[in-house]
Amino acid sequence: MAIVVIGATCSLGELVVDKLLAMDIDVVAKEESHLKRNQDLLKYSNSSLESKGEGFSISFDGSNADIIIGTDIIVQDLLPTKVDRWIAPEFQSWIDGDGDDFPSRYWLSVIDAANAIAHIVQAEQRVTGIFMCGRREWECDDSRAEFEMLWKRTEQGISGEFTKDTLFGHQIAGMVPKPMDTGLSKRPNLDPLHNLLLDITGDGWRPMIPFRTGLMTLIAGMLS
């Protein structure tokens, strides 16, 4: 039985389709962009990508489905691969040099989110109100320091004119240990997600993509 993916025009939806196909799972999605993006994979895969069909369904645009992203799985603080509905407002604010204050975030790479969602829909698990975000709190100042450093480094890479300050001496921001109960914001309860993934994969909820890597992927998409 195929997985029906509805409204997957955002970076998260696209990566869920890509992951399902890589797992040799048949996918039904009407957007031609998925076929173009995965044409090489489909040549050597046992999976198929069709524009019509039936199966367990997931939607990214609020359409009725077995799993609705935003209702059944609530994704927070996502780092997408491009400017889309998932991008947090602070990134453009920091590019513009604005000094607006933003809340702490539990940043999550879209790759980790897509991998988890693909396993959930593969198992055809119906869920309700499960939260998904990163496990580590990033305060606004630390997030901004990481983003601005990588943004300047990328701009200088395009021009070919690197400065010493940009290239060297940058420790990852926010690495000072602190007690778990002193966070500035309350993290959503990740136990239901962890327990669900324990049952499905045996690994639980273990995001693997570092914040800096997720930021570099986002910046590349913003500048492409």
Foldseek 3Di string as FASTA:
>chain_A
DAEEEAPQPFQLSLLLLVLCQVVLGEYADQDCVSCVVCVVVVVPGNYYYHPDDDDQYEYDPPDDGLHYDCWFEDEFQELGLADDPRDDPVLVCLVVVHPDADAKFQYAYSNLVSNLVNLCVVVPDRGGDAYDGHDDIDHPVLLSVLLVLLLVVVVCVVVVHDDPVSPDDDDRPPPDDDDPPPDPDDDPDNVVQQVVCCVRPVGGRDGDDDPSNSSNSHSVRHVD
